[in-house]
Amino acid sequence: ELTQAQEVLRGTEAQAATCNQTVETLKISLKEEKAAGH
């Protein structure tokens, strides 16, 4: 069970890293769109 939990944790950490990267990309895109919108 510990091994499975660690695998799930690794997968969740990978998803969190992907989400964080997506958030950063969206923030940059939003800033660019705000500038373009302005």
ModelCIF file with pLDDT and N, C-alpha, C, O atoms, coordinates in Angstrom:
data_MODEL
#
_entry.id   MODEL 
#
_entity.id                         1 
_entity.type                       polymer 
_entity.pdbx_number_of_molecules   1 
#
_entity_poly.entity_id                      1 
_entity_poly.type                           'polypeptide(L)' 
_entity_poly.nstd_linkage                   no 
_entity_poly.nstd_monomer                   no 
_entity_poly.pdbx_seq_one_letter_code       ELTQAQEVLRGTEAQAATCNQTVETLKISLKEEKAAGH 
_entity_poly.pdbx_seq_one_letter_code_can   ELTQAQEVLRGTEAQAATCNQTVETLKISLKEEKAAGH 
_entity_poly.pdbx_strand_id                 A 
#
loop_
_entity_poly_seq.entity_id 
_entity_poly_seq.num 
_entity_poly_seq.mon_id 
_entity_poly_seq.hetero 
1 1  GLU n 
1 2  LEU n 
1 3  THR n 
1 4  GLN n 
1 5  ALA n 
1 6  GLN n 
1 7  GLU n 
1 8  VAL n 
1 9  LEU n 
1 10 ARG n 
1 11 GLY n 
1 12 THR n 
1 13 GLU n 
1 14 ALA n 
1 15 GLN n 
1 16 ALA n 
1 17 ALA n 
1 18 THR n 
1 19 CYS n 
1 20 ASN n 
1 21 GLN n 
1 22 THR n 
1 23 VAL n 
1 24 GLU n 
1 25 THR n 
1 26 LEU n 
1 27 LYS n 
1 28 ILE n 
1 29 SER n 
1 30 LEU n 
1 31 LYS n 
1 32 GLU n 
1 33 GLU n 
1 34 LYS n 
1 35 ALA n 
1 36 ALA n 
1 37 GLY n 
1 38 HIS n 
#
_struct_asym.id          A 
_struct_asym.entity_id   1 
#
loop_
_ma_qa_metric.id 
_ma_qa_metric.mode 
_ma_qa_metric.name 
_ma_qa_metric.software_group_id 
_ma_qa_metric.type 
1 global pLDDT . pLDDT 
2 local  pLDDT . pLDDT 
#
_ma_qa_metric_global.metric_id      1 
_ma_qa_metric_global.metric_value   91.21 
_ma_qa_metric_global.model_id       1 
_ma_qa_metric_global.ordinal_id     1 
#
loop_
_ma_qa_metric_local.label_asym_id 
_ma_qa_metric_local.label_comp_id 
_ma_qa_metric_local.label_seq_id 
_ma_qa_metric_local.metric_id 
_ma_qa_metric_local.metric_value 
_ma_qa_metric_local.model_id 
_ma_qa_metric_local.ordinal_id 
A GLU 1  2 92.00 1 1  
A LEU 2  2 92.00 1 2  
A THR 3  2 93.00 1 3  
A GLN 4  2 93.00 1 4  
A ALA 5  2 91.00 1 5  
A GLN 6  2 93.00 1 6  
A GLU 7  2 94.00 1 7  
A VAL 8  2 92.00 1 8  
A LEU 9  2 92.00 1 9  
A ARG 10 2 94.00 1 10 
A GLY 11 2 93.00 1 11 
A THR 12 2 92.00 1 12 
A GLU 13 2 93.00 1 13 
A ALA 14 2 93.00 1 14 
A GLN 15 2 92.00 1 15 
A ALA 16 2 91.00 1 16 
A ALA 17 2 93.00 1 17 
A THR 18 2 93.00 1 18 
A CYS 19 2 89.00 1 19 
A ASN 20 2 92.00 1 20 
A GLN 21 2 94.00 1 21 
A THR 22 2 93.00 1 22 
A VAL 23 2 92.00 1 23 
A GLU 24 2 93.00 1 24 
A THR 25 2 93.00 1 25 
A LEU 26 2 92.00 1 26 
A LYS 27 2 92.00 1 27 
A ILE 28 2 93.00 1 28 
A SER 29 2 91.00 1 29 
A LEU 30 2 90.00 1 30 
A LYS 31 2 89.00 1 31 
A GLU 32 2 89.00 1 32 
A GLU 33 2 87.00 1 33 
A LYS 34 2 88.00 1 34 
A ALA 35 2 87.00 1 35 
A ALA 36 2 86.00 1 36 
A GLY 37 2 84.00 1 37 
A HIS 38 2 86.00 1 38 
#
loop_
_atom_site.group_PDB 
_atom_site.id 
_atom_site.type_symbol 
_atom_site.label_atom_id 
_atom_site.label_alt_id 
_atom_site.label_comp_id 
_atom_site.label_asym_id 
_atom_site.label_entity_id 
_atom_site.label_seq_id 
_atom_site.pdbx_PDB_ins_code 
_atom_site.Cartn_x 
_atom_site.Cartn_y 
_atom_site.Cartn_z 
_atom_site.occupancy 
_atom_site.B_iso_or_equiv 
_atom_site.pdbx_formal_charge 
_atom_site.auth_seq_id 
_atom_site.auth_comp_id 
_atom_site.auth_asym_id 
_atom_site.auth_atom_id 
_atom_site.pdbx_PDB_model_num 
ATOM 1   N N  . GLU A 1 1  ? 0.831  -1.202 0.000   1.00 92.00 ? 1  GLU A N  1 
ATOM 2   C CA . GLU A 1 1  ? 0.000  0.000  0.000   1.00 92.00 ? 1  GLU A CA 1 
ATOM 3   C C  . GLU A 1 1  ? 0.867  1.254  0.000   1.00 92.00 ? 1  GLU A C  1 
ATOM 4   O O  . GLU A 1 1  ? 0.542  2.239  -0.662  1.00 92.00 ? 1  GLU A O  1 
ATOM 5   N N  . LEU A 1 2  ? 1.972  1.213  0.747   1.00 92.00 ? 2  LEU A N  1 
ATOM 6   C CA . LEU A 1 2  ? 2.879  2.353  0.766   1.00 92.00 ? 2  LEU A CA 1 
ATOM 7   C C  . LEU A 1 2  ? 3.483  2.582  -0.615  1.00 92.00 ? 2  LEU A C  1 
ATOM 8   O O  . LEU A 1 2  ? 3.604  3.720  -1.069  1.00 92.00 ? 2  LEU A O  1 
ATOM 9   N N  . THR A 1 3  ? 3.860  1.493  -1.276  1.00 93.00 ? 3  THR A N  1 
ATOM 10  C CA . THR A 1 3  ? 4.414  1.607  -2.626  1.00 93.00 ? 3  THR A CA 1 
ATOM 11  C C  . THR A 1 3  ? 3.385  2.212  -3.574  1.00 93.00 ? 3  THR A C  1 
ATOM 12  O O  . THR A 1 3  ? 3.714  3.088  -4.374  1.00 93.00 ? 3  THR A O  1 
ATOM 13  N N  . GLN A 1 4  ? 2.143  1.747  -3.486  1.00 93.00 ? 4  GLN A N  1 
ATOM 14  C CA . GLN A 1 4  ? 1.085  2.290  -4.346  1.00 93.00 ? 4  GLN A CA 1 
ATOM 15  C C  . GLN A 1 4  ? 0.848  3.756  -4.028  1.00 93.00 ? 4  GLN A C  1 
ATOM 16  O O  . GLN A 1 4  ? 0.684  4.575  -4.932  1.00 93.00 ? 4  GLN A O  1 
ATOM 17  N N  . ALA A 1 5  ? 0.830  4.089  -2.736  1.00 91.00 ? 5  ALA A N  1 
ATOM 18  C CA . ALA A 1 5  ? 0.611  5.486  -2.351  1.00 91.00 ? 5  ALA A CA 1 
ATOM 19  C C  . ALA A 1 5  ? 1.742  6.371  -2.859  1.00 91.00 ? 5  ALA A C  1 
ATOM 20  O O  . ALA A 1 5  ? 1.507  7.501  -3.290  1.00 91.00 ? 5  ALA A O  1 
ATOM 21  N N  . GLN A 1 6  ? 2.969  5.857  -2.809  1.00 93.00 ? 6  GLN A N  1 
ATOM 22  C CA . GLN A 1 6  ? 4.095  6.638  -3.316  1.00 93.00 ? 6  GLN A CA 1 
ATOM 23  C C  . GLN A 1 6  ? 3.987  6.837  -4.819  1.00 93.00 ? 6  GLN A C  1 
ATOM 24  O O  . GLN A 1 6  ? 4.320  7.908  -5.327  1.00 93.00 ? 6  GLN A O  1 
ATOM 25  N N  . GLU A 1 7  ? 3.524  5.813  -5.541  1.00 94.00 ? 7  GLU A N  1 
ATOM 26  C CA . GLU A 1 7  ? 3.339  5.953  -6.987  1.00 94.00 ? 7  GLU A CA 1 
ATOM 27  C C  . GLU A 1 7  ? 2.256  6.980  -7.290  1.00 94.00 ? 7  GLU A C  1 
ATOM 28  O O  . GLU A 1 7  ? 2.408  7.808  -8.189  1.00 94.00 ? 7  GLU A O  1 
ATOM 29  N N  . VAL A 1 8  ? 1.162  6.923  -6.536  1.00 92.00 ? 8  VAL A N  1 
ATOM 30  C CA . VAL A 1 8  ? 0.082  7.898  -6.722  1.00 92.00 ? 8  VAL A CA 1 
ATOM 31  C C  . VAL A 1 8  ? 0.600  9.299  -6.410  1.00 92.00 ? 8  VAL A C  1 
ATOM 32  O O  . VAL A 1 8  ? 0.282  10.259 -7.111  1.00 92.00 ? 8  VAL A O  1 
ATOM 33  N N  . LEU A 1 9  ? 1.403  9.403  -5.349  1.00 92.00 ? 9  LEU A N  1 
ATOM 34  C CA . LEU A 1 9  ? 1.967  10.700 -4.972  1.00 92.00 ? 9  LEU A CA 1 
ATOM 35  C C  . LEU A 1 9  ? 2.866  11.238 -6.074  1.00 92.00 ? 9  LEU A C  1 
ATOM 36  O O  . LEU A 1 9  ? 2.810  12.423 -6.403  1.00 92.00 ? 9  LEU A O  1 
ATOM 37  N N  . ARG A 1 10 ? 3.695  10.369 -6.644  1.00 94.00 ? 10 ARG A N  1 
ATOM 38  C CA . ARG A 1 10 ? 4.560  10.811 -7.738  1.00 94.00 ? 10 ARG A CA 1 
ATOM 39  C C  . ARG A 1 10 ? 3.723  11.304 -8.920  1.00 94.00 ? 10 ARG A C  1 
ATOM 40  O O  . ARG A 1 10 ? 4.026  12.332 -9.525  1.00 94.00 ? 10 ARG A O  1 
ATOM 41  N N  . GLY A 1 11 ? 2.653  10.542 -9.240  1.00 93.00 ? 11 GLY A N  1 
ATOM 42  C CA . GLY A 1 11 ? 1.775  10.958 -10.341 1.00 93.00 ? 11 GLY A CA 1 
ATOM 43  C C  . GLY A 1 11 ? 1.105  12.287 -10.049 1.00 93.00 ? 11 GLY A C  1 
ATOM 44  O O  . GLY A 1 11 ? 0.995  13.146 -10.924 1.00 93.00 ? 11 GLY A O  1 
ATOM 45  N N  . THR A 1 12 ? 0.656  12.450 -8.803  1.00 92.00 ? 12 THR A N  1 
ATOM 46  C CA . THR A 1 12 ? 0.000  13.698 -8.408  1.00 92.00 ? 12 THR A CA 1 
ATOM 47  C C  . THR A 1 12 ? 0.988  14.860 -8.449  1.00 92.00 ? 12 THR A C  1 
ATOM 48  O O  . THR A 1 12 ? 0.642  15.962 -8.875  1.00 92.00 ? 12 THR A O  1 
ATOM 49  N N  . GLU A 1 13 ? 2.222  14.608 -8.004  1.00 93.00 ? 13 GLU A N  1 
ATOM 50  C CA . GLU A 1 13 ? 3.230  15.666 -8.064  1.00 93.00 ? 13 GLU A CA 1 
ATOM 51  C C  . GLU A 1 13 ? 3.518  16.064 -9.511  1.00 93.00 ? 13 GLU A C  1 
ATOM 52  O O  . GLU A 1 13 ? 3.706  17.241 -9.818  1.00 93.00 ? 13 GLU A O  1 
ATOM 53  N N  . ALA A 1 14 ? 3.549  15.064 -10.394 1.00 93.00 ? 14 ALA A N  1 
ATOM 54  C CA . ALA A 1 14 ? 3.773  15.367 -11.816 1.00 93.00 ? 14 ALA A CA 1 
ATOM 55  C C  . ALA A 1 14 ? 2.619  16.198 -12.368 1.00 93.00 ? 14 ALA A C  1 
ATOM 56  O O  . ALA A 1 14 ? 2.835  17.152 -13.115 1.00 93.00 ? 14 ALA A O  1 
ATOM 57  N N  . GLN A 1 15 ? 1.381  15.829 -11.993 1.00 92.00 ? 15 GLN A N  1 
ATOM 58  C CA . GLN A 1 15 ? 0.224  16.599 -12.450 1.00 92.00 ? 15 GLN A CA 1 
ATOM 59  C C  . GLN A 1 15 ? 0.265  18.018 -11.884 1.00 92.00 ? 15 GLN A C  1 
ATOM 60  O O  . GLN A 1 15 ? -0.050 18.983 -12.580 1.00 92.00 ? 15 GLN A O  1 
ATOM 61  N N  . ALA A 1 16 ? 0.659  18.134 -10.610 1.00 91.00 ? 16 ALA A N  1 
ATOM 62  C CA . ALA A 1 16 ? 0.742  19.461 -9.997  1.00 91.00 ? 16 ALA A CA 1 
ATOM 63  C C  . ALA A 1 16 ? 1.788  20.316 -10.710 1.00 91.00 ? 16 ALA A C  1 
ATOM 64  O O  . ALA A 1 16 ? 1.579  21.507 -10.938 1.00 91.00 ? 16 ALA A O  1 
ATOM 65  N N  . ALA A 1 17 ? 2.911  19.695 -11.057 1.00 93.00 ? 17 ALA A N  1 
ATOM 66  C CA . ALA A 1 17 ? 3.946  20.448 -11.784 1.00 93.00 ? 17 ALA A CA 1 
ATOM 67  C C  . ALA A 1 17 ? 3.422  20.902 -13.142 1.00 93.00 ? 17 ALA A C  1 
ATOM 68  O O  . ALA A 1 17 ? 3.669  22.031 -13.565 1.00 93.00 ? 17 ALA A O  1 
ATOM 69  N N  . THR A 1 18 ? 2.698  20.016 -13.821 1.00 93.00 ? 18 THR A N  1 
ATOM 70  C CA . THR A 1 18 ? 2.110  20.371 -15.117 1.00 93.00 ? 18 THR A CA 1 
ATOM 71  C C  . THR A 1 18 ? 1.098  21.501 -14.952 1.00 93.00 ? 18 THR A C  1 
ATOM 72  O O  . THR A 1 18 ? 1.066  22.444 -15.742 1.00 93.00 ? 18 THR A O  1 
ATOM 73  N N  . CYS A 1 19 ? 0.274  21.390 -13.915 1.00 89.00 ? 19 CYS A N  1 
ATOM 74  C CA . CYS A 1 19 ? -0.726 22.447 -13.665 1.00 89.00 ? 19 CYS A CA 1 
ATOM 75  C C  . CYS A 1 19 ? -0.045 23.777 -13.355 1.00 89.00 ? 19 CYS A C  1 
ATOM 76  O O  . CYS A 1 19 ? -0.469 24.824 -13.845 1.00 89.00 ? 19 CYS A O  1 
ATOM 77  N N  . ASN A 1 20 ? 1.009  23.737 -12.543 1.00 92.00 ? 20 ASN A N  1 
ATOM 78  C CA . ASN A 1 20 ? 1.735  24.974 -12.220 1.00 92.00 ? 20 ASN A CA 1 
ATOM 79  C C  . ASN A 1 20 ? 2.333  25.597 -13.468 1.00 92.00 ? 20 ASN A C  1 
ATOM 80  O O  . ASN A 1 20 ? 2.299  26.815 -13.641 1.00 92.00 ? 20 ASN A O  1 
ATOM 81  N N  . GLN A 1 21 ? 2.878  24.765 -14.329 1.00 94.00 ? 21 GLN A N  1 
ATOM 82  C CA . GLN A 1 21 ? 3.447  25.275 -15.571 1.00 94.00 ? 21 GLN A CA 1 
ATOM 83  C C  . GLN A 1 21 ? 2.350  25.876 -16.452 1.00 94.00 ? 21 GLN A C  1 
ATOM 84  O O  . GLN A 1 21 ? 2.545  26.923 -17.069 1.00 94.00 ? 21 GLN A O  1 
ATOM 85  N N  . THR A 1 22 ? 1.194  25.203 -16.506 1.00 93.00 ? 22 THR A N  1 
ATOM 86  C CA . THR A 1 22 ? 0.069  25.714 -17.288 1.00 93.00 ? 22 THR A CA 1 
ATOM 87  C C  . THR A 1 22 ? -0.410 27.048 -16.723 1.00 93.00 ? 22 THR A C  1 
ATOM 88  O O  . THR A 1 22 ? -0.719 27.972 -17.476 1.00 93.00 ? 22 THR A O  1 
ATOM 89  N N  . VAL A 1 23 ? -0.471 27.147 -15.396 1.00 92.00 ? 23 VAL A N  1 
ATOM 90  C CA . VAL A 1 23 ? -0.893 28.401 -14.759 1.00 92.00 ? 23 VAL A CA 1 
ATOM 91  C C  . VAL A 1 23 ? 0.074  29.524 -15.119 1.00 92.00 ? 23 VAL A C  1 
ATOM 92  O O  . VAL A 1 23 ? -0.346 30.634 -15.446 1.00 92.00 ? 23 VAL A O  1 
ATOM 93  N N  . GLU A 1 24 ? 1.365  29.231 -15.058 1.00 93.00 ? 24 GLU A N  1 
ATOM 94  C CA . GLU A 1 24 ? 2.347  30.259 -15.410 1.00 93.00 ? 24 GLU A CA 1 
ATOM 95  C C  . GLU A 1 24 ? 2.198  30.681 -16.870 1.00 93.00 ? 24 GLU A C  1 
ATOM 96  O O  . GLU A 1 24 ? 2.268  31.865 -17.198 1.00 93.00 ? 24 GLU A O  1 
ATOM 97  N N  . THR A 1 25 ? 1.993  29.697 -17.735 1.00 93.00 ? 25 THR A N  1 
ATOM 98  C CA . THR A 1 25 ? 1.797  30.004 -19.157 1.00 93.00 ? 25 THR A CA 1 
ATOM 99  C C  . THR A 1 25 ? 0.546  30.858 -19.354 1.00 93.00 ? 25 THR A C  1 
ATOM 100 O O  . THR A 1 25 ? 0.554  31.819 -20.124 1.00 93.00 ? 25 THR A O  1 
ATOM 101 N N  . LEU A 1 26 ? -0.525 30.499 -18.651 1.00 92.00 ? 26 LEU A N  1 
ATOM 102 C CA . LEU A 1 26 ? -1.769 31.271 -18.771 1.00 92.00 ? 26 LEU A CA 1 
ATOM 103 C C  . LEU A 1 26 ? -1.605 32.685 -18.214 1.00 92.00 ? 26 LEU A C  1 
ATOM 104 O O  . LEU A 1 26 ? -2.174 33.634 -18.755 1.00 92.00 ? 26 LEU A O  1 
ATOM 105 N N  . LYS A 1 27 ? -0.827 32.830 -17.131 1.00 92.00 ? 27 LYS A N  1 
ATOM 106 C CA . LYS A 1 27 ? -0.590 34.170 -16.589 1.00 92.00 ? 27 LYS A CA 1 
ATOM 107 C C  . LYS A 1 27 ? 0.127  35.037 -17.617 1.00 92.00 ? 27 LYS A C  1 
ATOM 108 O O  . LYS A 1 27 ? -0.230 36.193 -17.839 1.00 92.00 ? 27 LYS A O  1 
ATOM 109 N N  . ILE A 1 28 ? 1.149  34.447 -18.239 1.00 93.00 ? 28 ILE A N  1 
ATOM 110 C CA . ILE A 1 28 ? 1.888  35.195 -19.260 1.00 93.00 ? 28 ILE A CA 1 
ATOM 111 C C  . ILE A 1 28 ? 0.974  35.550 -20.419 1.00 93.00 ? 28 ILE A C  1 
ATOM 112 O O  . ILE A 1 28 ? 0.993  36.674 -20.921 1.00 93.00 ? 28 ILE A O  1 
ATOM 113 N N  . SER A 1 29 ? 0.168  34.572 -20.840 1.00 91.00 ? 29 SER A N  1 
ATOM 114 C CA . SER A 1 29 ? -0.761 34.800 -21.948 1.00 91.00 ? 29 SER A CA 1 
ATOM 115 C C  . SER A 1 29 ? -1.785 35.867 -21.579 1.00 91.00 ? 29 SER A C  1 
ATOM 116 O O  . SER A 1 29 ? -2.135 36.710 -22.405 1.00 91.00 ? 29 SER A O  1 
ATOM 117 N N  . LEU A 1 30 ? -2.266 35.829 -20.333 1.00 90.00 ? 30 LEU A N  1 
ATOM 118 C CA . LEU A 1 30 ? -3.243 36.815 -19.884 1.00 90.00 ? 30 LEU A CA 1 
ATOM 119 C C  . LEU A 1 30 ? -2.639 38.216 -19.874 1.00 90.00 ? 30 LEU A C  1 
ATOM 120 O O  . LEU A 1 30 ? -3.289 39.185 -20.267 1.00 90.00 ? 30 LEU A O  1 
ATOM 121 N N  . LYS A 1 31 ? -1.388 38.315 -19.419 1.00 89.00 ? 31 LYS A N  1 
ATOM 122 C CA . LYS A 1 31 ? -0.730 39.627 -19.435 1.00 89.00 ? 31 LYS A CA 1 
ATOM 123 C C  . LYS A 1 31 ? -0.612 40.139 -20.872 1.00 89.00 ? 31 LYS A C  1 
ATOM 124 O O  . LYS A 1 31 ? -0.865 41.312 -21.144 1.00 89.00 ? 31 LYS A O  1 
ATOM 125 N N  . GLU A 1 32 ? -0.225 39.241 -21.788 1.00 89.00 ? 32 GLU A N  1 
ATOM 126 C CA . GLU A 1 32 ? -0.097 39.637 -23.189 1.00 89.00 ? 32 GLU A CA 1 
ATOM 127 C C  . GLU A 1 32 ? -1.453 40.050 -23.750 1.00 89.00 ? 32 GLU A C  1 
ATOM 128 O O  . GLU A 1 32 ? -1.560 41.032 -24.485 1.00 89.00 ? 32 GLU A O  1 
ATOM 129 N N  . GLU A 1 33 ? -2.499 39.278 -23.391 1.00 87.00 ? 33 GLU A N  1 
ATOM 130 C CA . GLU A 1 33 ? -3.840 39.612 -23.890 1.00 87.00 ? 33 GLU A CA 1 
ATOM 131 C C  . GLU A 1 33 ? -4.332 40.916 -23.294 1.00 87.00 ? 33 GLU A C  1 
ATOM 132 O O  . GLU A 1 33 ? -5.014 41.688 -23.969 1.00 87.00 ? 33 GLU A O  1 
ATOM 133 N N  . LYS A 1 34 ? -3.989 41.178 -22.010 1.00 88.00 ? 34 LYS A N  1 
ATOM 134 C CA . LYS A 1 34 ? -4.377 42.446 -21.402 1.00 88.00 ? 34 LYS A CA 1 
ATOM 135 C C  . LYS A 1 34 ? -3.712 43.600 -22.135 1.00 88.00 ? 34 LYS A C  1 
ATOM 136 O O  . LYS A 1 34 ? -4.337 44.618 -22.430 1.00 88.00 ? 34 LYS A O  1 
ATOM 137 N N  . ALA A 1 35 ? -2.426 43.413 -22.421 1.00 87.00 ? 35 ALA A N  1 
ATOM 138 C CA . ALA A 1 35 ? -1.706 44.466 -23.153 1.00 87.00 ? 35 ALA A CA 1 
ATOM 139 C C  . ALA A 1 35 ? -2.325 44.659 -24.537 1.00 87.00 ? 35 ALA A C  1 
ATOM 140 O O  . ALA A 1 35 ? -2.556 45.784 -24.982 1.00 87.00 ? 35 ALA A O  1 
ATOM 141 N N  . ALA A 1 36 ? -2.590 43.525 -25.209 1.00 86.00 ? 36 ALA A N  1 
ATOM 142 C CA . ALA A 1 36 ? -3.212 43.613 -26.532 1.00 86.00 ? 36 ALA A CA 1 
ATOM 143 C C  . ALA A 1 36 ? -4.616 44.196 -26.412 1.00 86.00 ? 36 ALA A C  1 
ATOM 144 O O  . ALA A 1 36 ? -5.028 44.998 -27.250 1.00 86.00 ? 36 ALA A O  1 
ATOM 145 N N  . GLY A 1 37 ? -5.348 43.802 -25.381 1.00 84.00 ? 37 GLY A N  1 
ATOM 146 C CA . GLY A 1 37 ? -6.696 44.338 -25.169 1.00 84.00 ? 37 GLY A CA 1 
ATOM 147 C C  . GLY A 1 37 ? -6.662 45.829 -24.903 1.00 84.00 ? 37 GLY A C  1 
ATOM 148 O O  . GLY A 1 37 ? -7.515 46.577 -25.381 1.00 84.00 ? 37 GLY A O  1 
ATOM 149 N N  . HIS A 1 38 ? -5.657 46.262 -24.129 1.00 86.00 ? 38 HIS A N  1 
ATOM 150 C CA . HIS A 1 38 ? -5.511 47.687 -23.862 1.00 86.00 ? 38 HIS A CA 1 
ATOM 151 C C  . HIS A 1 38 ? -5.220 48.441 -25.159 1.00 86.00 ? 38 HIS A C  1 
ATOM 152 O O  . HIS A 1 38 ? -5.064 49.662 -25.142 1.00 86.00 ? 38 HIS A O  1 
#
